C-alpha cells in the first residue's frame, strides 16, 4: 500500500476515519500514524487501513504559466537542434533526429522536476 501524508483512511478495527500524519517503525514493525479528530494520534498496522481519499495539492497559480513556458522551451529546443544539425551539414533525417533528441531532453528534465517536487508516497 502506498500512502502520502494527508491521505484520508479508515481504521477497520473501529471504523474511525482520520488522516495519515506519518509512518514509523516500532519493534521492527511498520506502523502508520493516523490523526483522528477528538483523540490522540494512533499507531495502526497498514493492513488495518482502507484508503478513502488521496491527498491532492491545490494547483498553484503559476502552474499554467509554467506549462506554457515549458511547451515554448520544448519547441525552441527542437528547432534549435534542427538548425544546429543543418549548419553542421546534416541531411534531413539527421536534422529530424537532432530535433527529436532536443525535444526529449527538455521533456525528460521537466518530468523529473515534476516528479521530484510532487507529493511523496510511502510504501507500507
PDB file of N, CA and C in Angstrom:
ATOM      1  N   UNK A   1       0.855  -1.165   0.000  1.00  0.00           N
ATOM      2  CA  UNK A   1       0.000   0.000   0.000  1.00  0.00           C
ATOM      3  C   UNK A   1       0.903   1.231   0.000  1.00  0.00           C
ATOM      4  N   UNK A   2       0.541   2.218  -0.785  1.00  0.00           N
ATOM      5  CA  UNK A   2       1.304   3.455  -0.854  1.00  0.00           C
ATOM      6  C   UNK A   2       0.460   4.577  -0.254  1.00  0.00           C
ATOM      7  N   UNK A   3       1.021   5.234   0.744  1.00  0.00           N
ATOM      8  CA  UNK A   3       0.320   6.317   1.428  1.00  0.00           C
ATOM      9  C   UNK A   3       1.140   7.592   1.375  1.00  0.00           C
ATOM     10  N   UNK A   4       0.466   8.716   1.368  1.00  0.00           N
ATOM     11  CA  UNK A   4       1.117  10.020   1.456  1.00  0.00           C
ATOM     12  C   UNK A   4       0.574  10.735   2.686  1.00  0.00           C
ATOM     13  N   UNK A   5       1.332  11.689   3.163  1.00  0.00           N
ATOM     14  CA  UNK A   5       0.850  12.489   4.274  1.00  0.00           C
ATOM     15  C   UNK A   5      -0.400  13.241   3.833  1.00  0.00           C
ATOM     16  N   UNK A   6      -1.452  13.162   4.647  1.00  0.00           N
ATOM     17  CA  UNK A   6      -2.706  13.837   4.327  1.00  0.00           C
ATOM     18  C   UNK A   6      -3.757  12.940   3.703  1.00  0.00           C
ATOM     19  N   UNK A   7      -3.419  11.685   3.381  1.00  0.00           N
ATOM     20  CA  UNK A   7      -4.419  10.764   2.847  1.00  0.00           C
ATOM     21  C   UNK A   7      -5.482  10.486   3.911  1.00  0.00           C
ATOM     22  N   UNK A   8      -6.715  10.347   3.479  1.00  0.00           N
ATOM     23  CA  UNK A   8      -7.810  10.033   4.401  1.00  0.00           C
ATOM     24  C   UNK A   8      -7.982   8.523   4.420  1.00  0.00           C
ATOM     25  N   UNK A   9      -7.940   7.947   5.624  1.00  0.00           N
ATOM     26  CA  UNK A   9      -8.030   6.491   5.780  1.00  0.00           C
ATOM     27  C   UNK A   9      -9.085   6.141   6.822  1.00  0.00           C
ATOM     28  N   UNK A  10      -9.530   4.876   6.776  1.00  0.00           N
ATOM     29  CA  UNK A  10     -10.473   4.363   7.771  1.00  0.00           C
ATOM     30  C   UNK A  10      -9.831   3.166   8.447  1.00  0.00           C
ATOM     31  N   UNK A  11      -9.855   3.167   9.766  1.00  0.00           N
ATOM     32  CA  UNK A  11      -9.331   2.055  10.552  1.00  0.00           C
ATOM     33  C   UNK A  11     -10.405   0.980  10.629  1.00  0.00           C
ATOM     34  N   UNK A  12     -10.063  -0.235  10.210  1.00  0.00           N
ATOM     35  CA  UNK A  12     -11.057  -1.312  10.164  1.00  0.00           C
ATOM     36  C   UNK A  12     -11.469  -1.802  11.549  1.00  0.00           C
ATOM     37  N   UNK A  13     -10.631  -1.584  12.551  1.00  0.00           N
ATOM     38  CA  UNK A  13     -10.948  -2.126  13.875  1.00  0.00           C
ATOM     39  C   UNK A  13     -12.155  -1.435  14.496  1.00  0.00           C
ATOM     40  N   UNK A  14     -12.241  -0.093  14.391  1.00  0.00           N
ATOM     41  CA  UNK A  14     -13.384   0.608  14.978  1.00  0.00           C
ATOM     42  C   UNK A  14     -14.052   1.571  13.999  1.00  0.00           C
ATOM     43  N   UNK A  15     -13.704   1.479  12.698  1.00  0.00           N
ATOM     44  CA  UNK A  15     -14.286   2.286  11.620  1.00  0.00           C
ATOM     45  C   UNK A  15     -14.095   3.787  11.837  1.00  0.00           C
ATOM     46  N   UNK A  16     -13.011   4.173  12.498  1.00  0.00           N
ATOM     47  CA  UNK A  16     -12.708   5.589  12.699  1.00  0.00           C
ATOM     48  C   UNK A  16     -12.026   6.138  11.447  1.00  0.00           C
ATOM     49  N   UNK A  17     -12.392   7.350  11.073  1.00  0.00           N
ATOM     50  CA  UNK A  17     -11.817   7.998   9.900  1.00  0.00           C
ATOM     51  C   UNK A  17     -10.831   9.057  10.357  1.00  0.00           C
ATOM     52  N   UNK A  18      -9.655   9.051   9.721  1.00  0.00           N
ATOM     53  CA  UNK A  18      -8.625  10.019  10.078  1.00  0.00           C
ATOM     54  C   UNK A  18      -7.694  10.285   8.912  1.00  0.00           C
ATOM     55  N   UNK A  19      -6.667  11.087   9.162  1.00  0.00           N
ATOM     56  CA  UNK A  19      -5.685  11.413   8.132  1.00  0.00           C
ATOM     57  C   UNK A  19      -4.317  10.881   8.537  1.00  0.00           C
ATOM     58  N   UNK A  20      -3.530  10.512   7.540  1.00  0.00           N
ATOM     59  CA  UNK A  20      -2.191   9.990   7.777  1.00  0.00           C
ATOM     60  C   UNK A  20      -1.269  11.157   8.113  1.00  0.00           C
ATOM     61  N   UNK A  21      -0.546  11.040   9.240  1.00  0.00           N
ATOM     62  CA  UNK A  21       0.390  12.093   9.637  1.00  0.00           C
ATOM     63  C   UNK A  21       1.822  11.603   9.665  1.00  0.00           C
ATOM     64  N   UNK A  22       2.039  10.307   9.457  1.00  0.00           N
ATOM     65  CA  UNK A  22       3.409   9.811   9.437  1.00  0.00           C
ATOM     66  C   UNK A  22       3.479   8.294   9.367  1.00  0.00           C
ATOM     67  N   UNK A  23       4.705   7.822   9.188  1.00  0.00           N
ATOM     68  CA  UNK A  23       4.989   6.392   9.167  1.00  0.00           C
ATOM     69  C   UNK A  23       6.154   6.170  10.109  1.00  0.00           C
ATOM     70  N   UNK A  24       6.069   5.160  10.955  1.00  0.00           N
ATOM     71  CA  UNK A  24       7.128   4.891  11.920  1.00  0.00           C
ATOM     72  C   UNK A  24       7.385   3.392  12.009  1.00  0.00           C
ATOM     73  N   UNK A  25       8.508   3.048  12.593  1.00  0.00           N
ATOM     74  CA  UNK A  25       8.844   1.651  12.839  1.00  0.00           C
ATOM     75  C   UNK A  25       8.846   1.434  14.343  1.00  0.00           C
ATOM     76  N   UNK A  26       8.120   0.423  14.781  1.00  0.00           N
ATOM     77  CA  UNK A  26       8.003   0.135  16.199  1.00  0.00           C
ATOM     78  C   UNK A  26       8.301  -1.342  16.401  1.00  0.00           C
ATOM     79  N   UNK A  27       9.441  -1.646  16.998  1.00  0.00           N
ATOM     80  CA  UNK A  27       9.872  -3.029  17.236  1.00  0.00           C
ATOM     81  C   UNK A  27       9.936  -3.810  15.924  1.00  0.00           C
ATOM     82  N   UNK A  28      10.610  -3.208  14.912  1.00  0.00           N
ATOM     83  CA  UNK A  28      10.814  -3.839  13.604  1.00  0.00           C
ATOM     84  C   UNK A  28       9.519  -4.026  12.806  1.00  0.00           C
ATOM     85  N   UNK A  29       8.431  -3.417  13.240  1.00  0.00           N
ATOM     86  CA  UNK A  29       7.159  -3.498  12.541  1.00  0.00           C
ATOM     87  C   UNK A  29       6.760  -2.083  12.131  1.00  0.00           C
ATOM     88  N   UNK A  30       6.373  -1.909  10.866  1.00  0.00           N
ATOM     89  CA  UNK A  30       5.983  -0.579  10.387  1.00  0.00           C
ATOM     90  C   UNK A  30       4.569  -0.259  10.852  1.00  0.00           C
ATOM     91  N   UNK A  31       4.407   0.947  11.329  1.00  0.00           N
ATOM     92  CA  UNK A  31       3.110   1.442  11.773  1.00  0.00           C
ATOM     93  C   UNK A  31       2.826   2.773  11.091  1.00  0.00           C
ATOM     94  N   UNK A  32       1.545   3.055  10.866  1.00  0.00           N
ATOM     95  CA  UNK A  32       1.115   4.311  10.268  1.00  0.00           C
ATOM     96  C   UNK A  32       0.494   5.158  11.372  1.00  0.00           C
ATOM     97  N   UNK A  33       0.965   6.403  11.484  1.00  0.00           N
ATOM     98  CA  UNK A  33       0.402   7.325  12.469  1.00  0.00           C
ATOM     99  C   UNK A  33      -0.812   7.999  11.843  1.00  0.00           C
ATOM    100  N   UNK A  34      -1.967   7.837  12.483  1.00  0.00           N
ATOM    101  CA  UNK A  34      -3.231   8.363  11.967  1.00  0.00           C
ATOM    102  C   UNK A  34      -3.803   9.328  12.992  1.00  0.00           C
ATOM    103  N   UNK A  35      -4.165  10.542  12.520  1.00  0.00           N
ATOM    104  CA  UNK A  35      -4.810  11.522  13.387  1.00  0.00           C
ATOM    105  C   UNK A  35      -6.316  11.408  13.213  1.00  0.00           C
ATOM    106  N   UNK A  36      -7.010  11.081  14.305  1.00  0.00           N
ATOM    107  CA  UNK A  36      -8.467  11.016  14.321  1.00  0.00           C
ATOM    108  C   UNK A  36      -8.937  12.192  15.174  1.00  0.00           C
ATOM    109  N   UNK A  37      -9.778  13.075  14.636  1.00  0.00           N
ATOM    110  CA  UNK A  37     -10.233  14.227  15.421  1.00  0.00           C
ATOM    111  C   UNK A  37     -10.882  13.798  16.730  1.00  0.00           C
ATOM    112  N   UNK A  38     -10.507  14.473  17.803  1.00  0.00           N
ATOM    113  CA  UNK A  38     -11.070  14.169  19.119  1.00  0.00           C
ATOM    114  C   UNK A  38     -10.302  13.117  19.884  1.00  0.00           C
ATOM    115  N   UNK A  39      -9.241  12.569  19.324  1.00  0.00           N
ATOM    116  CA  UNK A  39      -8.442  11.576  20.034  1.00  0.00           C
ATOM    117  C   UNK A  39      -6.971  11.798  19.677  1.00  0.00           C
ATOM    118  N   UNK A  40      -6.074  11.243  20.492  1.00  0.00           N
ATOM    119  CA  UNK A  40      -4.652  11.420  20.173  1.00  0.00           C
ATOM    120  C   UNK A  40      -4.265  10.640  18.905  1.00  0.00           C
ATOM    121  N   UNK A  41      -3.072  10.913  18.421  1.00  0.00           N
ATOM    122  CA  UNK A  41      -2.572  10.202  17.237  1.00  0.00           C
ATOM    123  C   UNK A  41      -2.423   8.730  17.588  1.00  0.00           C
ATOM    124  N   UNK A  42      -2.949   7.877  16.721  1.00  0.00           N
ATOM    125  CA  UNK A  42      -2.857   6.435  16.976  1.00  0.00           C
ATOM    126  C   UNK A  42      -1.953   5.778  15.948  1.00  0.00           C
ATOM    127  N   UNK A  43      -1.247   4.749  16.378  1.00  0.00           N
ATOM    128  CA  UNK A  43      -0.384   3.966  15.502  1.00  0.00           C
ATOM    129  C   UNK A  43      -1.149   2.714  15.098  1.00  0.00           C
ATOM    130  N   UNK A  44      -1.270   2.503  13.784  1.00  0.00           N
ATOM    131  CA  UNK A  44      -2.081   1.419  13.257  1.00  0.00           C
ATOM    132  C   UNK A  44      -1.273   0.619  12.255  1.00  0.00           C
ATOM    133  N   UNK A  45      -1.522  -0.667  12.194  1.00  0.00           N
ATOM    134  CA  UNK A  45      -0.877  -1.511  11.191  1.00  0.00           C
ATOM    135  C   UNK A  45      -1.439  -1.159   9.815  1.00  0.00           C
ATOM    136  N   UNK A  46      -0.595  -1.185   8.784  1.00  0.00           N
ATOM    137  CA  UNK A  46      -1.070  -0.797   7.446  1.00  0.00           C
ATOM    138  C   UNK A  46      -2.185  -1.678   6.899  1.00  0.00           C
ATOM    139  N   UNK A  47      -2.199  -2.957   7.261  1.00  0.00           N
ATOM    140  CA  UNK A  47      -3.240  -3.847   6.728  1.00  0.00           C
ATOM    141  C   UNK A  47      -4.592  -3.607   7.394  1.00  0.00           C
ATOM    142  N   UNK A  48      -4.645  -2.798   8.452  1.00  0.00           N
ATOM    143  CA  UNK A  48      -5.913  -2.452   9.093  1.00  0.00           C
ATOM    144  C   UNK A  48      -6.532  -1.180   8.529  1.00  0.00           C
ATOM    145  N   UNK A  49      -5.936  -0.604   7.490  1.00  0.00           N
ATOM    146  CA  UNK A  49      -6.408   0.672   6.957  1.00  0.00           C
ATOM    147  C   UNK A  49      -7.021   0.504   5.576  1.00  0.00           C
ATOM    148  N   UNK A  50      -8.067   1.260   5.320  1.00  0.00           N
ATOM    149  CA  UNK A  50      -8.665   1.390   3.993  1.00  0.00           C
ATOM    150  C   UNK A  50      -8.452   2.830   3.551  1.00  0.00           C
ATOM    151  N   UNK A  51      -7.920   3.021   2.351  1.00  0.00           N
ATOM    152  CA  UNK A  51      -7.711   4.369   1.832  1.00  0.00           C
ATOM    153  C   UNK A  51      -9.030   4.868   1.262  1.00  0.00           C
ATOM    154  N   UNK A  52      -9.496   5.994   1.778  1.00  0.00           N
ATOM    155  CA  UNK A  52     -10.742   6.588   1.300  1.00  0.00           C
ATOM    156  C   UNK A  52     -10.494   7.671   0.262  1.00  0.00           C
ATOM    157  N   UNK A  53      -9.441   8.465   0.454  1.00  0.00           N
ATOM    158  CA  UNK A  53      -9.134   9.542  -0.492  1.00  0.00           C
ATOM    159  C   UNK A  53      -7.652   9.868  -0.408  1.00  0.00           C
ATOM    160  N   UNK A  54      -7.059  10.115  -1.570  1.00  0.00           N
ATOM    161  CA  UNK A  54      -5.662  10.527  -1.608  1.00  0.00           C
ATOM    162  C   UNK A  54      -5.580  12.036  -1.500  1.00  0.00           C
ATOM    163  N   UNK A  55      -4.569  12.484  -0.790  1.00  0.00           N
ATOM    164  CA  UNK A  55      -4.341  13.921  -0.643  1.00  0.00           C
ATOM    165  C   UNK A  55      -3.843  14.487  -1.955  1.00  0.00           C
ATOM    166  N   UNK A  56      -4.448  15.545  -2.412  1.00  0.00           N
ATOM    167  CA  UNK A  56      -4.003  16.215  -3.635  1.00  0.00           C
ATOM    168  C   UNK A  56      -3.698  17.665  -3.339  1.00  0.00           C
ATOM    169  N   UNK A  57      -2.549  18.116  -3.814  1.00  0.00           N
ATOM    170  CA  UNK A  57      -2.219  19.521  -3.597  1.00  0.00           C
ATOM    171  C   UNK A  57      -3.055  20.382  -4.520  1.00  0.00           C
ATOM    172  N   UNK A  58      -3.390  21.558  -4.038  1.00  0.00           N
ATOM    173  CA  UNK A  58      -4.111  22.506  -4.870  1.00  0.00           C
ATOM    174  C   UNK A  58      -3.189  22.986  -5.985  1.00  0.00           C
ATOM    175  N   UNK A  59      -3.773  23.245  -7.132  1.00  0.00           N
ATOM    176  CA  UNK A  59      -2.978  23.732  -8.259  1.00  0.00           C
ATOM    177  C   UNK A  59      -2.445  25.121  -7.945  1.00  0.00           C
ATOM    178  N   UNK A  60      -1.184  25.311  -8.200  1.00  0.00           N
ATOM    179  CA  UNK A  60      -0.559  26.603  -7.939  1.00  0.00           C
ATOM    180  C   UNK A  60      -1.024  27.619  -8.974  1.00  0.00           C
ATOM    181  N   UNK A  61      -0.919  28.890  -8.628  1.00  0.00           N
ATOM    182  CA  UNK A  61      -1.338  29.943  -9.549  1.00  0.00           C
ATOM    183  C   UNK A  61      -0.499  29.946 -10.814  1.00  0.00           C
ATOM    184  N   UNK A  62       0.780  29.675 -10.688  1.00  0.00           N
ATOM    185  CA  UNK A  62       1.669  29.742 -11.830  1.00  0.00           C
ATOM    186  C   UNK A  62       1.780  28.451 -12.610  1.00  0.00           C
ATOM    187  N   UNK A  63       0.956  27.459 -12.294  1.00  0.00           N
ATOM    188  CA  UNK A  63       1.064  26.169 -12.958  1.00  0.00           C
ATOM    189  C   UNK A  63       0.802  26.268 -14.462  1.00  0.00           C
ATOM    190  N   UNK A  64      -0.201  27.051 -14.846  1.00  0.00           N
ATOM    191  CA  UNK A  64      -0.499  27.223 -16.266  1.00  0.00           C
ATOM    192  C   UNK A  64       0.627  27.940 -16.994  1.00  0.00           C
ATOM    193  N   UNK A  65       1.190  28.960 -16.353  1.00  0.00           N
ATOM    194  CA  UNK A  65       2.309  29.684 -16.963  1.00  0.00           C
ATOM    195  C   UNK A  65       3.533  28.798 -17.079  1.00  0.00           C
ATOM    196  N   UNK A  66       3.758  27.979 -16.079  1.00  0.00           N
ATOM    197  CA  UNK A  66       4.915  27.072 -16.120  1.00  0.00           C
ATOM    198  C   UNK A  66       4.767  26.090 -17.272  1.00  0.00           C
ATOM    199  N   UNK A  67       3.592  25.530 -17.425  1.00  0.00           N
ATOM    200  CA  UNK A  67       3.364  24.573 -18.506  1.00  0.00           C
ATOM    201  C   UNK A  67       3.529  25.232 -19.871  1.00  0.00           C
ATOM    202  N   UNK A  68       2.997  26.425 -20.018  1.00  0.00           N
ATOM    203  CA  UNK A  68       3.125  27.126 -21.289  1.00  0.00           C
ATOM    204  C   UNK A  68       4.588  27.454 -21.579  1.00  0.00           C
ATOM    205  N   UNK A  69       5.337  27.842 -20.552  1.00  0.00           N
ATOM    206  CA  UNK A  69       6.755  28.143 -20.725  1.00  0.00           C
ATOM    207  C   UNK A  69       7.527  26.897 -21.141  1.00  0.00           C
ATOM    208  N   UNK A  70       7.203  25.763 -20.546  1.00  0.00           N
ATOM    209  CA  UNK A  70       7.886  24.518 -20.893  1.00  0.00           C
ATOM    210  C   UNK A  70       7.555  24.116 -22.328  1.00  0.00           C
ATOM    211  N   UNK A  71       6.313  24.309 -22.757  1.00  0.00           N
ATOM    212  CA  UNK A  71       5.946  23.994 -24.143  1.00  0.00           C
ATOM    213  C   UNK A  71       6.751  24.851 -25.110  1.00  0.00           C
ATOM    214  N   UNK A  72       6.900  26.121 -24.803  1.00  0.00           N
ATOM    215  CA  UNK A  72       7.685  27.011 -25.656  1.00  0.00           C
ATOM    216  C   UNK A  72       9.150  26.580 -25.662  1.00  0.00           C
ATOM    217  N   UNK A  73       9.688  26.230 -24.482  1.00  0.00           N
ATOM    218  CA  UNK A  73      11.090  25.787 -24.410  1.00  0.00           C
ATOM    219  C   UNK A  73      11.313  24.490 -25.181  1.00  0.00           C
ATOM    220  N   UNK A  74      10.355  23.586 -25.126  1.00  0.00           N
ATOM    221  CA  UNK A  74      10.472  22.322 -25.855  1.00  0.00           C
ATOM    222  C   UNK A  74      10.494  22.585 -27.360  1.00  0.00           C
ATOM    223  N   UNK A  75       9.583  23.435 -27.813  1.00  0.00           N
ATOM    224  CA  UNK A  75       9.561  23.770 -29.238  1.00  0.00           C
ATOM    225  C   UNK A  75      10.829  24.481 -29.678  1.00  0.00           C
ATOM    226  N   UNK A  76      11.310  25.414 -28.854  1.00  0.00           N
ATOM    227  CA  UNK A  76      12.537  26.135 -29.165  1.00  0.00           C
ATOM    228  C   UNK A  76      13.737  25.193 -29.205  1.00  0.00           C
ATOM    229  N   UNK A  77      13.806  24.260 -28.264  1.00  0.00           N
ATOM    230  CA  UNK A  77      14.917  23.301 -28.246  1.00  0.00           C
ATOM    231  C   UNK A  77      14.898  22.424 -29.491  1.00  0.00           C
ATOM    232  N   UNK A  78      13.715  21.996 -29.914  1.00  0.00           N
ATOM    233  CA  UNK A  78      13.618  21.159 -31.107  1.00  0.00           C
ATOM    234  C   UNK A  78      14.060  21.929 -32.353  1.00  0.00           C
ATOM    235  N   UNK A  79      13.624  23.170 -32.477  1.00  0.00           N
ATOM    236  CA  UNK A  79      14.002  23.979 -33.637  1.00  0.00           C
ATOM    237  C   UNK A  79      15.501  24.260 -33.630  1.00  0.00           C
ATOM    238  N   UNK A  80      16.040  24.608 -32.461  1.00  0.00           N
ATOM    239  CA  UNK A  80      17.484  24.870 -32.383  1.00  0.00           C
ATOM    240  C   UNK A  80      18.304  23.620 -32.680  1.00  0.00           C
ATOM    241  N   UNK A  81      17.839  22.475 -32.224  1.00  0.00           N
ATOM    242  CA  UNK A  81      18.530  21.222 -32.533  1.00  0.00           C
ATOM    243  C   UNK A  81      18.573  20.959 -34.028  1.00  0.00           C
ATOM    244  N   UNK A  82      17.441  21.216 -34.696  1.00  0.00           N
ATOM    245  CA  UNK A  82      17.401  21.048 -36.159  1.00  0.00           C
ATOM    246  C   UNK A  82      18.329  22.046 -36.851  1.00  0.00           C
ATOM    247  N   UNK A  83      18.313  23.285 -36.392  1.00  0.00           N
ATOM    248  CA  UNK A  83      19.139  24.320 -37.021  1.00  0.00           C
ATOM    249  C   UNK A  83      20.636  24.020 -36.847  1.00  0.00           C
ATOM    250  N   UNK A  84      21.033  23.602 -35.653  1.00  0.00           N
ATOM    251  CA  UNK A  84      22.448  23.291 -35.416  1.00  0.00           C
ATOM    252  C   UNK A  84      22.896  22.105 -36.270  1.00  0.00           C
ATOM    253  N   UNK A  85      22.021  21.120 -36.421  1.00  0.00           N
ATOM    254  CA  UNK A  85      22.371  19.970 -37.265  1.00  0.00           C
ATOM    255  C   UNK A  85      22.489  20.404 -38.726  1.00  0.00           C
ATOM    256  N   UNK A  86      21.618  21.313 -39.167  1.00  0.00           N
ATOM    257  CA  UNK A  86      21.675  21.782 -40.553  1.00  0.00           C
ATOM    258  C   UNK A  86      22.940  22.590 -40.822  1.00  0.00           C
ATOM    259  N   UNK A  87      23.333  23.442 -39.870  1.00  0.00           N
ATOM    260  CA  UNK A  87      24.551  24.232 -40.066  1.00  0.00           C
ATOM    261  C   UNK A  87      25.796  23.352 -40.032  1.00  0.00           C
ATOM    262  N   UNK A  88      25.693  22.201 -39.399  1.00  0.00           N
ATOM    263  CA  UNK A  88      26.830  21.274 -39.384  1.00  0.00           C
ATOM    264  C   UNK A  88      26.895  20.448 -40.659  1.00  0.00           C
ATOM    265  N   UNK A  89      25.893  20.588 -41.545  1.00  0.00           N
ATOM    266  CA  UNK A  89      25.908  19.899 -42.825  1.00  0.00           C
ATOM    267  C   UNK A  89      25.154  18.590 -42.834  1.00  0.00           C
ATOM    268  N   UNK A  90      24.245  18.404 -41.889  1.00  0.00           N
ATOM    269  CA  UNK A  90      23.492  17.148 -41.826  1.00  0.00           C
ATOM    270  C   UNK A  90      22.352  17.153 -42.839  1.00  0.00           C
ATOM    271  N   UNK A  91      21.962  15.958 -43.250  1.00  0.00           N
ATOM    272  CA  UNK A  91      20.817  15.800 -44.147  1.00  0.00           C
ATOM    273  C   UNK A  91      19.541  15.804 -43.284  1.00  0.00           C
ATOM    274  N   UNK A  92      18.346  15.787 -43.916  1.00  0.00           N
ATOM    275  CA  UNK A  92      17.103  15.935 -43.176  1.00  0.00           C
ATOM    276  C   UNK A  92      16.833  14.821 -42.158  1.00  0.00           C
ATOM    277  N   UNK A  93      17.211  13.530 -42.379  1.00  0.00           N
ATOM    278  CA  UNK A  93      16.942  12.543 -41.315  1.00  0.00           C
ATOM    279  C   UNK A  93      17.726  12.839 -40.035  1.00  0.00           C
ATOM    280  N   UNK A  94      18.967  13.279 -40.183  1.00  0.00           N
ATOM    281  CA  UNK A  94      19.763  13.598 -39.004  1.00  0.00           C
ATOM    282  C   UNK A  94      19.256  14.881 -38.344  1.00  0.00           C
ATOM    283  N   UNK A  95      18.772  15.821 -39.145  1.00  0.00           N
ATOM    284  CA  UNK A  95      18.175  17.031 -38.570  1.00  0.00           C
ATOM    285  C   UNK A  95      16.954  16.669 -37.730  1.00  0.00           C
ATOM    286  N   UNK A  96      16.131  15.766 -38.260  1.00  0.00           N
ATOM    287  CA  UNK A  96      14.942  15.327 -37.531  1.00  0.00           C
ATOM    288  C   UNK A  96      15.332  14.667 -36.204  1.00  0.00           C
ATOM    289  N   UNK A  97      16.343  13.802 -36.238  1.00  0.00           N
ATOM    290  CA  UNK A  97      16.776  13.121 -35.018  1.00  0.00           C
ATOM    291  C   UNK A  97      17.377  14.090 -34.007  1.00  0.00           C
ATOM    292  N   UNK A  98      18.083  15.110 -34.481  1.00  0.00           N
ATOM    293  CA  UNK A  98      18.644  16.118 -33.571  1.00  0.00           C
ATOM    294  C   UNK A  98      17.526  16.901 -32.884  1.00  0.00           C
ATOM    295  N   UNK A  99      16.499  17.261 -33.658  1.00  0.00           N
ATOM    296  CA  UNK A  99      15.357  17.957 -33.068  1.00  0.00           C
ATOM    297  C   UNK A  99      14.604  17.076 -32.085  1.00  0.00           C
ATOM    298  N   UNK A 100      14.462  15.809 -32.428  1.00  0.00           N
ATOM    299  CA  UNK A 100      13.784  14.865 -31.535  1.00  0.00           C
ATOM    300  C   UNK A 100      14.573  14.672 -30.242  1.00  0.00           C
ATOM    301  N   UNK A 101      15.885  14.612 -30.344  1.00  0.00           N
ATOM    302  CA  UNK A 101      16.711  14.485 -29.146  1.00  0.00           C
ATOM    303  C   UNK A 101      16.622  15.699 -28.246  1.00  0.00           C
ATOM    304  N   UNK A 102      16.610  16.887 -28.835  1.00  0.00           N
ATOM    305  CA  UNK A 102      16.464  18.117 -28.049  1.00  0.00           C
ATOM    306  C   UNK A 102      15.100  18.158 -27.366  1.00  0.00           C
ATOM    307  N   UNK A 103      14.070  17.778 -28.116  1.00  0.00           N
ATOM    308  CA  UNK A 103      12.717  17.709 -27.555  1.00  0.00           C
ATOM    309  C   UNK A 103      12.673  16.758 -26.364  1.00  0.00           C
ATOM    310  N   UNK A 104      13.259  15.573 -26.528  1.00  0.00           N
ATOM    311  CA  UNK A 104      13.256  14.569 -25.461  1.00  0.00           C
ATOM    312  C   UNK A 104      14.022  15.005 -24.234  1.00  0.00           C
ATOM    313  N   UNK A 105      15.112  15.728 -24.431  1.00  0.00           N
ATOM    314  CA  UNK A 105      15.917  16.187 -23.304  1.00  0.00           C
ATOM    315  C   UNK A 105      15.143  17.163 -22.429  1.00  0.00           C
ATOM    316  N   UNK A 106      14.527  18.158 -23.042  1.00  0.00           N
ATOM    317  CA  UNK A 106      13.786  19.153 -22.267  1.00  0.00           C
ATOM    318  C   UNK A 106      12.551  18.523 -21.622  1.00  0.00           C
ATOM    319  N   UNK A 107      11.866  17.653 -22.345  1.00  0.00           N
ATOM    320  CA  UNK A 107      10.677  16.998 -21.796  1.00  0.00           C
ATOM    321  C   UNK A 107      11.033  16.111 -20.603  1.00  0.00           C
ATOM    322  N   UNK A 108      12.115  15.361 -20.708  1.00  0.00           N
ATOM    323  CA  UNK A 108      12.539  14.491 -19.608  1.00  0.00           C
ATOM    324  C   UNK A 108      12.944  15.298 -18.385  1.00  0.00           C
ATOM    325  N   UNK A 109      13.653  16.396 -18.598  1.00  0.00           N
ATOM    326  CA  UNK A 109      14.044  17.252 -17.468  1.00  0.00           C
ATOM    327  C   UNK A 109      12.816  17.801 -16.757  1.00  0.00           C
ATOM    328  N   UNK A 110      11.796  18.212 -17.495  1.00  0.00           N
ATOM    329  CA  UNK A 110      10.563  18.728 -16.883  1.00  0.00           C
ATOM    330  C   UNK A 110       9.840  17.620 -16.110  1.00  0.00           C
ATOM    331  N   UNK A 111       9.756  16.418 -16.669  1.00  0.00           N
ATOM    332  CA  UNK A 111       9.084  15.321 -15.976  1.00  0.00           C
ATOM    333  C   UNK A 111       9.802  14.947 -14.683  1.00  0.00           C
ATOM    334  N   UNK A 112      11.132  14.977 -14.694  1.00  0.00           N
ATOM    335  CA  UNK A 112      11.888  14.702 -13.464  1.00  0.00           C
ATOM    336  C   UNK A 112      11.611  15.769 -12.423  1.00  0.00           C
ATOM    337  N   UNK A 113      11.560  17.034 -12.859  1.00  0.00           N
ATOM    338  CA  UNK A 113      11.294  18.123 -11.925  1.00  0.00           C
ATOM    339  C   UNK A 113       9.910  17.968 -11.291  1.00  0.00           C
ATOM    340  N   UNK A 114       8.907  17.628 -12.098  1.00  0.00           N
ATOM    341  CA  UNK A 114       7.553  17.438 -11.563  1.00  0.00           C
ATOM    342  C   UNK A 114       7.523  16.270 -10.589  1.00  0.00           C
ATOM    343  N   UNK A 115       8.242  15.213 -10.918  1.00  0.00           N
ATOM    344  CA  UNK A 115       8.255  14.044 -10.035  1.00  0.00           C
ATOM    345  C   UNK A 115       8.962  14.330  -8.706  1.00  0.00           C
ATOM    346  N   UNK A 116      10.045  15.099  -8.756  1.00  0.00           N
ATOM    347  CA  UNK A 116      10.770  15.418  -7.527  1.00  0.00           C
ATOM    348  C   UNK A 116      10.017  16.387  -6.634  1.00  0.00           C
ATOM    349  N   UNK A 117       9.234  17.283  -7.214  1.00  0.00           N
ATOM    350  CA  UNK A 117       8.509  18.265  -6.413  1.00  0.00           C
ATOM    351  C   UNK A 117       7.088  17.840  -6.101  1.00  0.00           C
ATOM    352  N   UNK A 118       6.651  16.684  -6.596  1.00  0.00           N
ATOM    353  CA  UNK A 118       5.294  16.199  -6.355  1.00  0.00           C
ATOM    354  C   UNK A 118       5.147  15.590  -4.967  1.00  0.00           C
ATOM    355  N   UNK A 119       3.941  15.139  -4.624  1.00  0.00           N
ATOM    356  CA  UNK A 119       3.717  14.544  -3.306  1.00  0.00           C
ATOM    357  C   UNK A 119       4.462  13.220  -3.146  1.00  0.00           C
ATOM    358  N   UNK A 120       4.923  12.959  -1.944  1.00  0.00           N
ATOM    359  CA  UNK A 120       5.658  11.731  -1.657  1.00  0.00           C
ATOM    360  C   UNK A 120       4.689  10.652  -1.180  1.00  0.00           C
ATOM    361  N   UNK A 121       4.892   9.456  -1.656  1.00  0.00           N
ATOM    362  CA  UNK A 121       4.103   8.307  -1.215  1.00  0.00           C
ATOM    363  C   UNK A 121       5.050   7.317  -0.549  1.00  0.00           C
ATOM    364  N   UNK A 122       4.593   6.720   0.546  1.00  0.00           N
ATOM    365  CA  UNK A 122       5.392   5.751   1.288  1.00  0.00           C
ATOM    366  C   UNK A 122       4.812   4.374   1.085  1.00  0.00           C
ATOM    367  N   UNK A 123       5.661   3.401   0.865  1.00  0.00           N
ATOM    368  CA  UNK A 123       5.197   2.025   0.761  1.00  0.00           C
ATOM    369  C   UNK A 123       5.212   1.430   2.169  1.00  0.00           C
ATOM    370  N   UNK A 124       4.039   1.009   2.619  1.00  0.00           N
ATOM    371  CA  UNK A 124       3.929   0.393   3.952  1.00  0.00           C
ATOM    372  C   UNK A 124       3.266  -0.961   3.829  1.00  0.00           C
TER     373      UNK A 124
END
